[in-house]
Amino acid sequence: MNNWPDSLIRELAERRVVIFLGAGISKSALGSLPTWVNLINTLSCNLNTKTEKDLVKKLTRRGLLLDAAQIISDGINFPDLSAELVRIFKVKPPHSEIYKDILSLDAKVVITTNYDQFIEKISIILQIVILHTVYLINLVQIYLIT
């Protein structure tokens, strides 16, 4: 059982909390999804030059994953990168209680940088209406929930 602060419980009850979902939530729900390092290595195969590929490997080894991801974002045209991400993350949503628990918090806003669309698909299964989805540069999705 969680021992949440009273102030957080009050903010949740008044729907004044914004929930942020990162890669850890998806990875914990479905272990077959790639880690950041594996995703970057997979995507780097689509880079055009050996120099770019070598730079991504070097950055990844040094733990500079955002820098490596930027090289990929800059080096692969947007339609090809989007198609590859859809291919990688087009999987059936897992039967994980974590999404059900998150949605049961009844937050007005959920923000995610995840590509997997688990939260959207599970909200449909649970018949929770997502009022509006905002995509910001295909990196962040914001969901306004009724």
N, C-alpha and C. Protein backbone atom coordinates (compact mmCIF):
# COMPACT_ATOMS: atom_id res chain seq x y z
N MET A 1 0.84 -1.19 0.00
CA MET A 1 0.00 0.00 0.00
C MET A 1 0.88 1.24 0.00
N ASN A 2 0.52 2.20 -0.85
CA ASN A 2 1.26 3.45 -0.92
C ASN A 2 0.83 4.39 0.19
N ASN A 3 1.79 5.13 0.69
CA ASN A 3 1.51 6.14 1.69
C ASN A 3 1.75 7.50 1.04
N TRP A 4 0.73 7.99 0.35
CA TRP A 4 0.86 9.23 -0.38
C TRP A 4 0.58 10.42 0.52
N PRO A 5 1.29 11.52 0.30
CA PRO A 5 1.03 12.73 1.09
C PRO A 5 -0.40 13.22 0.88
N ASP A 6 -0.98 13.76 1.94
CA ASP A 6 -2.35 14.28 1.85
C ASP A 6 -2.47 15.35 0.77
N SER A 7 -1.44 16.17 0.61
CA SER A 7 -1.50 17.25 -0.39
C SER A 7 -1.61 16.66 -1.81
N LEU A 8 -0.90 15.56 -2.08
CA LEU A 8 -0.99 14.93 -3.40
C LEU A 8 -2.37 14.32 -3.61
N ILE A 9 -2.89 13.67 -2.60
CA ILE A 9 -4.24 13.09 -2.70
C ILE A 9 -5.27 14.18 -2.97
N ARG A 10 -5.13 15.32 -2.30
CA ARG A 10 -6.04 16.45 -2.51
C ARG A 10 -5.94 16.98 -3.95
N GLU A 11 -4.71 17.13 -4.44
CA GLU A 11 -4.50 17.63 -5.81
C GLU A 11 -5.06 16.65 -6.84
N LEU A 12 -4.87 15.35 -6.60
CA LEU A 12 -5.45 14.34 -7.49
C LEU A 12 -6.97 14.43 -7.49
N ALA A 13 -7.55 14.55 -6.32
CA ALA A 13 -9.01 14.61 -6.19
C ALA A 13 -9.58 15.83 -6.92
N GLU A 14 -8.82 16.91 -6.93
CA GLU A 14 -9.27 18.14 -7.58
C GLU A 14 -8.82 18.22 -9.03
N ARG A 15 -8.24 17.14 -9.55
CA ARG A 15 -7.78 17.02 -10.94
C ARG A 15 -6.80 18.14 -11.31
N ARG A 16 -5.87 18.42 -10.41
CA ARG A 16 -4.87 19.46 -10.66
C ARG A 16 -3.48 18.86 -10.79
N VAL A 17 -3.41 17.59 -11.14
CA VAL A 17 -2.14 16.90 -11.30
C VAL A 17 -1.96 16.57 -12.77
N VAL A 18 -0.78 16.80 -13.29
CA VAL A 18 -0.42 16.39 -14.64
C VAL A 18 0.46 15.15 -14.50
N ILE A 19 0.06 14.07 -15.14
CA ILE A 19 0.82 12.83 -15.07
C ILE A 19 1.73 12.75 -16.28
N PHE A 20 3.00 12.47 -16.04
CA PHE A 20 3.98 12.32 -17.12
C PHE A 20 4.40 10.86 -17.19
N LEU A 21 4.26 10.28 -18.39
CA LEU A 21 4.66 8.89 -18.61
C LEU A 21 5.89 8.86 -19.51
N GLY A 22 6.96 8.26 -19.01
CA GLY A 22 8.17 8.12 -19.79
C GLY A 22 8.39 6.68 -20.21
N ALA A 23 9.55 6.41 -20.76
CA ALA A 23 9.85 5.10 -21.31
C ALA A 23 9.80 3.99 -20.27
N GLY A 24 10.10 4.30 -19.04
CA GLY A 24 10.11 3.28 -17.99
C GLY A 24 8.77 2.61 -17.80
N ILE A 25 7.70 3.36 -17.99
CA ILE A 25 6.36 2.80 -17.81
C ILE A 25 6.08 1.76 -18.88
N SER A 26 6.44 2.04 -20.11
CA SER A 26 6.21 1.09 -21.20
C SER A 26 7.12 -0.13 -21.06
N LYS A 27 8.37 0.12 -20.74
CA LYS A 27 9.34 -0.98 -20.61
C LYS A 27 8.94 -1.92 -19.47
N SER A 28 8.42 -1.34 -18.37
CA SER A 28 8.01 -2.20 -17.26
C SER A 28 6.76 -3.01 -17.60
N ALA A 29 5.92 -2.46 -18.47
CA ALA A 29 4.68 -3.15 -18.84
C ALA A 29 4.92 -4.22 -19.90
N LEU A 30 5.88 -3.99 -20.78
CA LEU A 30 6.16 -4.93 -21.86
C LEU A 30 7.67 -5.00 -22.07
N GLY A 31 8.28 -5.98 -21.48
CA GLY A 31 9.73 -6.08 -21.47
C GLY A 31 10.38 -6.23 -22.83
N SER A 32 9.61 -6.59 -23.86
CA SER A 32 10.20 -6.79 -25.18
C SER A 32 10.45 -5.48 -25.93
N LEU A 33 9.95 -4.37 -25.40
CA LEU A 33 10.24 -3.09 -26.04
C LEU A 33 11.72 -2.78 -25.91
N PRO A 34 12.28 -2.08 -26.89
CA PRO A 34 13.72 -1.79 -26.82
C PRO A 34 14.04 -0.78 -25.74
N THR A 35 15.23 -0.92 -25.17
CA THR A 35 15.74 0.12 -24.28
C THR A 35 16.14 1.30 -25.15
N TRP A 36 16.46 2.41 -24.51
CA TRP A 36 16.91 3.58 -25.27
C TRP A 36 18.13 3.23 -26.12
N VAL A 37 19.08 2.54 -25.52
CA VAL A 37 20.31 2.20 -26.25
C VAL A 37 19.99 1.30 -27.45
N ASN A 38 19.16 0.28 -27.24
CA ASN A 38 18.80 -0.62 -28.35
C ASN A 38 18.03 0.12 -29.44
N LEU A 39 17.13 1.00 -29.04
CA LEU A 39 16.37 1.78 -30.03
C LEU A 39 17.31 2.65 -30.86
N ILE A 40 18.21 3.34 -30.19
CA ILE A 40 19.16 4.20 -30.91
C ILE A 40 20.03 3.39 -31.85
N ASN A 41 20.52 2.25 -31.38
CA ASN A 41 21.35 1.39 -32.24
C ASN A 41 20.56 0.89 -33.46
N THR A 42 19.31 0.51 -33.24
CA THR A 42 18.48 0.04 -34.36
C THR A 42 18.24 1.16 -35.36
N LEU A 43 17.88 2.32 -34.85
CA LEU A 43 17.59 3.45 -35.76
C LEU A 43 18.84 3.94 -36.48
N SER A 44 19.99 3.84 -35.84
CA SER A 44 21.21 4.33 -36.47
C SER A 44 21.57 3.56 -37.73
N CYS A 45 21.06 2.35 -37.87
CA CYS A 45 21.30 1.58 -39.10
C CYS A 45 20.73 2.29 -40.33
N ASN A 46 19.77 3.19 -40.11
CA ASN A 46 19.14 3.92 -41.21
C ASN A 46 19.86 5.21 -41.57
N LEU A 47 20.94 5.52 -40.86
CA LEU A 47 21.71 6.72 -41.20
C LEU A 47 22.46 6.50 -42.51
N ASN A 48 22.72 7.59 -43.20
CA ASN A 48 23.30 7.49 -44.54
C ASN A 48 24.81 7.31 -44.58
N THR A 49 25.50 7.84 -43.57
CA THR A 49 26.96 7.81 -43.66
C THR A 49 27.57 7.01 -42.51
N LYS A 50 28.73 6.45 -42.78
CA LYS A 50 29.47 5.73 -41.76
C LYS A 50 29.88 6.68 -40.65
N THR A 51 30.19 7.91 -41.00
CA THR A 51 30.58 8.91 -40.00
C THR A 51 29.47 9.12 -38.98
N GLU A 52 28.23 9.26 -39.47
CA GLU A 52 27.09 9.43 -38.57
C GLU A 52 26.89 8.19 -37.70
N LYS A 53 26.98 7.03 -38.31
CA LYS A 53 26.79 5.78 -37.56
C LYS A 53 27.86 5.64 -36.48
N ASP A 54 29.12 5.95 -36.83
CA ASP A 54 30.21 5.86 -35.85
C ASP A 54 30.03 6.86 -34.72
N LEU A 55 29.56 8.05 -35.06
CA LEU A 55 29.33 9.08 -34.05
C LEU A 55 28.24 8.64 -33.07
N VAL A 56 27.17 8.05 -33.59
CA VAL A 56 26.09 7.56 -32.72
C VAL A 56 26.62 6.47 -31.79
N LYS A 57 27.43 5.56 -32.32
CA LYS A 57 28.02 4.50 -31.47
C LYS A 57 28.87 5.10 -30.36
N LYS A 58 29.68 6.08 -30.73
CA LYS A 58 30.56 6.73 -29.76
C LYS A 58 29.73 7.44 -28.68
N LEU A 59 28.72 8.19 -29.09
CA LEU A 59 27.88 8.90 -28.13
C LEU A 59 27.14 7.93 -27.22
N THR A 60 26.65 6.85 -27.80
CA THR A 60 25.92 5.85 -27.02
C THR A 60 26.83 5.21 -25.98
N ARG A 61 28.05 4.87 -26.38
CA ARG A 61 29.00 4.27 -25.42
C ARG A 61 29.31 5.23 -24.26
N ARG A 62 29.30 6.52 -24.55
CA ARG A 62 29.58 7.53 -23.52
C ARG A 62 28.34 7.90 -22.72
N GLY A 63 27.20 7.29 -23.06
CA GLY A 63 25.97 7.57 -22.32
C GLY A 63 25.28 8.84 -22.75
N LEU A 64 25.67 9.41 -23.86
CA LEU A 64 25.08 10.65 -24.37
C LEU A 64 23.94 10.31 -25.33
N LEU A 65 22.89 9.73 -24.77
CA LEU A 65 21.80 9.19 -25.58
C LEU A 65 20.98 10.26 -26.28
N LEU A 66 20.76 11.38 -25.63
CA LEU A 66 20.00 12.45 -26.29
C LEU A 66 20.78 13.02 -27.46
N ASP A 67 22.09 13.13 -27.32
CA ASP A 67 22.92 13.60 -28.43
C ASP A 67 22.87 12.60 -29.59
N ALA A 68 22.94 11.31 -29.26
CA ALA A 68 22.86 10.27 -30.29
C ALA A 68 21.50 10.32 -30.97
N ALA A 69 20.45 10.49 -30.18
CA ALA A 69 19.10 10.57 -30.76
C ALA A 69 18.96 11.78 -31.67
N GLN A 70 19.63 12.87 -31.32
CA GLN A 70 19.57 14.07 -32.17
C GLN A 70 20.23 13.82 -33.52
N ILE A 71 21.34 13.10 -33.51
CA ILE A 71 22.02 12.75 -34.78
C ILE A 71 21.06 11.94 -35.65
N ILE A 72 20.36 11.01 -35.05
CA ILE A 72 19.40 10.18 -35.78
C ILE A 72 18.25 11.04 -36.30
N SER A 73 17.73 11.90 -35.46
CA SER A 73 16.62 12.76 -35.87
C SER A 73 17.01 13.68 -37.02
N ASP A 74 18.23 14.18 -36.96
CA ASP A 74 18.72 15.06 -38.03
C ASP A 74 19.12 14.30 -39.29
N GLY A 75 19.54 13.04 -39.13
CA GLY A 75 20.11 12.30 -40.24
C GLY A 75 19.16 11.41 -41.02
N ILE A 76 17.96 11.20 -40.49
CA ILE A 76 16.98 10.35 -41.17
C ILE A 76 15.76 11.22 -41.49
N ASN A 77 15.32 11.17 -42.74
CA ASN A 77 14.18 12.03 -43.07
C ASN A 77 12.96 11.61 -42.25
N PHE A 78 12.15 12.62 -41.94
CA PHE A 78 11.06 12.44 -40.99
C PHE A 78 10.09 11.31 -41.35
N PRO A 79 9.63 11.19 -42.60
CA PRO A 79 8.71 10.09 -42.92
C PRO A 79 9.32 8.70 -42.68
N ASP A 80 10.60 8.53 -43.02
CA ASP A 80 11.25 7.24 -42.80
C ASP A 80 11.43 6.95 -41.31
N LEU A 81 11.82 7.96 -40.55
CA LEU A 81 11.98 7.79 -39.11
C LEU A 81 10.64 7.46 -38.45
N SER A 82 9.61 8.18 -38.82
CA SER A 82 8.27 7.91 -38.27
C SER A 82 7.81 6.50 -38.59
N ALA A 83 8.01 6.08 -39.83
CA ALA A 83 7.59 4.74 -40.24
C ALA A 83 8.34 3.67 -39.45
N GLU A 84 9.62 3.89 -39.22
CA GLU A 84 10.42 2.92 -38.46
C GLU A 84 9.96 2.86 -37.00
N LEU A 85 9.66 4.01 -36.42
CA LEU A 85 9.17 4.04 -35.04
C LEU A 85 7.82 3.34 -34.92
N VAL A 86 6.95 3.56 -35.88
CA VAL A 86 5.65 2.88 -35.88
C VAL A 86 5.86 1.38 -35.98
N ARG A 87 6.77 0.94 -36.85
CA ARG A 87 7.05 -0.49 -37.01
C ARG A 87 7.54 -1.09 -35.70
N ILE A 88 8.43 -0.40 -35.03
CA ILE A 88 9.02 -0.92 -33.79
C ILE A 88 7.99 -0.96 -32.66
N PHE A 89 7.18 0.08 -32.58
CA PHE A 89 6.28 0.21 -31.43
C PHE A 89 4.84 -0.21 -31.71
N LYS A 90 4.57 -0.73 -32.90
CA LYS A 90 3.21 -1.17 -33.20
C LYS A 90 3.03 -2.58 -32.63
N VAL A 91 2.75 -2.60 -31.36
CA VAL A 91 2.54 -3.85 -30.66
C VAL A 91 1.24 -3.76 -29.88
N LYS A 92 0.68 -4.90 -29.60
CA LYS A 92 -0.55 -4.96 -28.82
C LYS A 92 -0.26 -4.46 -27.40
N PRO A 93 -1.14 -3.63 -26.85
CA PRO A 93 -0.87 -3.15 -25.50
C PRO A 93 -0.87 -4.30 -24.50
N PRO A 94 0.00 -4.23 -23.52
CA PRO A 94 0.10 -5.33 -22.56
C PRO A 94 -1.07 -5.33 -21.59
N HIS A 95 -1.30 -6.48 -20.99
CA HIS A 95 -2.28 -6.57 -19.91
C HIS A 95 -1.55 -6.20 -18.63
N SER A 96 -1.36 -4.90 -18.46
CA SER A 96 -0.62 -4.41 -17.31
C SER A 96 -1.54 -3.53 -16.47
N GLU A 97 -1.54 -3.78 -15.20
CA GLU A 97 -2.38 -3.01 -14.28
C GLU A 97 -1.91 -1.57 -14.15
N ILE A 98 -0.65 -1.30 -14.49
CA ILE A 98 -0.12 0.05 -14.28
C ILE A 98 -0.90 1.10 -15.06
N TYR A 99 -1.27 0.80 -16.31
CA TYR A 99 -2.03 1.77 -17.10
C TYR A 99 -3.43 1.95 -16.54
N LYS A 100 -4.04 0.87 -16.14
CA LYS A 100 -5.36 0.94 -15.51
C LYS A 100 -5.29 1.79 -14.24
N ASP A 101 -4.25 1.58 -13.46
CA ASP A 101 -4.07 2.37 -12.23
C ASP A 101 -3.86 3.85 -12.54
N ILE A 102 -3.06 4.13 -13.56
CA ILE A 102 -2.80 5.53 -13.93
C ILE A 102 -4.10 6.20 -14.38
N LEU A 103 -4.84 5.52 -15.25
CA LEU A 103 -6.08 6.09 -15.74
C LEU A 103 -7.13 6.22 -14.64
N SER A 104 -7.08 5.34 -13.65
CA SER A 104 -8.05 5.43 -12.55
C SER A 104 -7.77 6.62 -11.63
N LEU A 105 -6.59 7.23 -11.75
CA LEU A 105 -6.30 8.43 -10.97
C LEU A 105 -7.15 9.62 -11.44
N ASP A 106 -7.74 9.49 -12.63
CA ASP A 106 -8.66 10.49 -13.17
C ASP A 106 -8.00 11.87 -13.33
N ALA A 107 -6.73 11.86 -13.76
CA ALA A 107 -6.05 13.12 -14.03
C ALA A 107 -6.67 13.76 -15.27
N LYS A 108 -6.70 15.07 -15.28
CA LYS A 108 -7.25 15.78 -16.43
C LYS A 108 -6.27 15.74 -17.61
N VAL A 109 -4.97 15.70 -17.29
CA VAL A 109 -3.94 15.74 -18.33
C VAL A 109 -2.91 14.64 -18.09
N VAL A 110 -2.59 13.91 -19.17
CA VAL A 110 -1.51 12.93 -19.16
C VAL A 110 -0.56 13.30 -20.29
N ILE A 111 0.71 13.40 -19.98
CA ILE A 111 1.72 13.74 -20.99
C ILE A 111 2.66 12.55 -21.13
N THR A 112 3.01 12.22 -22.37
CA THR A 112 3.97 11.14 -22.60
C THR A 112 4.86 11.46 -23.79
N THR A 113 6.06 10.95 -23.72
CA THR A 113 6.98 11.01 -24.86
C THR A 113 7.06 9.65 -25.54
N ASN A 114 6.25 8.70 -25.09
CA ASN A 114 6.32 7.33 -25.60
C ASN A 114 5.66 7.22 -26.98
N TYR A 115 6.23 6.36 -27.80
CA TYR A 115 5.71 6.12 -29.14
C TYR A 115 4.72 4.96 -29.20
N ASP A 116 4.60 4.18 -28.13
CA ASP A 116 3.87 2.92 -28.20
C ASP A 116 2.35 3.04 -28.22
N GLN A 117 1.79 4.14 -27.82
CA GLN A 117 0.34 4.39 -27.80
C GLN A 117 -0.41 3.43 -26.86
N PHE A 118 0.27 2.88 -25.87
CA PHE A 118 -0.41 1.99 -24.92
C PHE A 118 -1.51 2.72 -24.16
N ILE A 119 -1.23 3.94 -23.73
CA ILE A 119 -2.21 4.66 -22.92
C ILE A 119 -3.49 4.91 -23.73
N GLU A 120 -3.34 5.24 -25.01
CA GLU A 120 -4.52 5.48 -25.85
C GLU A 120 -5.31 4.19 -26.05
N LYS A 121 -4.61 3.12 -26.37
CA LYS A 121 -5.29 1.85 -26.65
C LYS A 121 -5.96 1.29 -25.41
N ILE A 122 -5.31 1.40 -24.27
CA ILE A 122 -5.90 0.88 -23.05
C ILE A 122 -7.08 1.75 -22.60
N SER A 123 -7.01 3.05 -22.86
CA SER A 123 -8.16 3.91 -22.52
C SER A 123 -9.39 3.50 -23.32
N ILE A 124 -9.20 3.06 -24.56
CA ILE A 124 -10.33 2.59 -25.38
C ILE A 124 -10.89 1.29 -24.79
N ILE A 125 -10.00 0.38 -24.43
CA ILE A 125 -10.44 -0.88 -23.83
C ILE A 125 -11.24 -0.63 -22.55
N LEU A 126 -10.77 0.34 -21.75
CA LEU A 126 -11.43 0.65 -20.48
C LEU A 126 -12.59 1.63 -20.64
N GLN A 127 -12.84 2.05 -21.88
CA GLN A 127 -13.92 2.99 -22.21
C GLN A 127 -13.75 4.32 -21.48
N ILE A 128 -12.52 4.79 -21.44
CA ILE A 128 -12.22 6.12 -20.90
C ILE A 128 -12.00 7.03 -22.09
N VAL A 129 -12.73 8.11 -22.13
CA VAL A 129 -12.70 8.99 -23.28
C VAL A 129 -11.53 9.96 -23.17
N ILE A 130 -10.69 9.94 -24.20
CA ILE A 130 -9.64 10.96 -24.33
C ILE A 130 -10.25 12.06 -25.17
N LEU A 131 -10.41 13.21 -24.55
CA LEU A 131 -11.10 14.32 -25.19
C LEU A 131 -10.30 14.92 -26.34
N HIS A 132 -9.02 15.03 -26.13
CA HIS A 132 -8.20 15.72 -27.12
C HIS A 132 -6.76 15.22 -27.01
N THR A 133 -6.13 15.00 -28.14
CA THR A 133 -4.73 14.62 -28.17
C THR A 133 -3.96 15.71 -28.89
N VAL A 134 -2.87 16.15 -28.28
CA VAL A 134 -2.02 17.17 -28.89
C VAL A 134 -0.67 16.54 -29.16
N TYR A 135 -0.21 16.61 -30.39
CA TYR A 135 1.11 16.10 -30.75
C TYR A 135 2.03 17.28 -30.95
N LEU A 136 3.10 17.32 -30.21
CA LEU A 136 4.08 18.40 -30.34
C LEU A 136 5.33 17.86 -31.00
N ILE A 137 5.53 18.21 -32.24
CA ILE A 137 6.71 17.82 -33.01
C ILE A 137 6.95 16.31 -32.94
N ASN A 138 5.87 15.55 -32.83
CA ASN A 138 5.93 14.09 -32.79
C ASN A 138 6.84 13.55 -31.68
N LEU A 139 7.07 14.36 -30.65
CA LEU A 139 7.88 13.91 -29.54
C LEU A 139 7.06 13.74 -28.27
N VAL A 140 6.08 14.60 -28.10
CA VAL A 140 5.30 14.60 -26.87
C VAL A 140 3.83 14.53 -27.26
N GLN A 141 3.09 13.68 -26.58
CA GLN A 141 1.65 13.64 -26.77
C GLN A 141 1.01 14.09 -25.46
N ILE A 142 0.02 14.96 -25.58
CA ILE A 142 -0.71 15.43 -24.41
C ILE A 142 -2.15 15.00 -24.57
N TYR A 143 -2.69 14.35 -23.54
CA TYR A 143 -4.05 13.83 -23.59
C TYR A 143 -4.90 14.57 -22.57
N LEU A 144 -6.00 15.15 -23.03
CA LEU A 144 -6.98 15.76 -22.15
C LEU A 144 -8.09 14.77 -21.99
N ILE A 145 -8.33 14.35 -20.78
CA ILE A 145 -9.26 13.26 -20.50
C ILE A 145 -10.51 13.81 -19.83
N THR A 146 -11.67 13.28 -20.27
CA THR A 146 -12.92 13.76 -19.69
C THR A 146 -13.08 13.26 -18.28
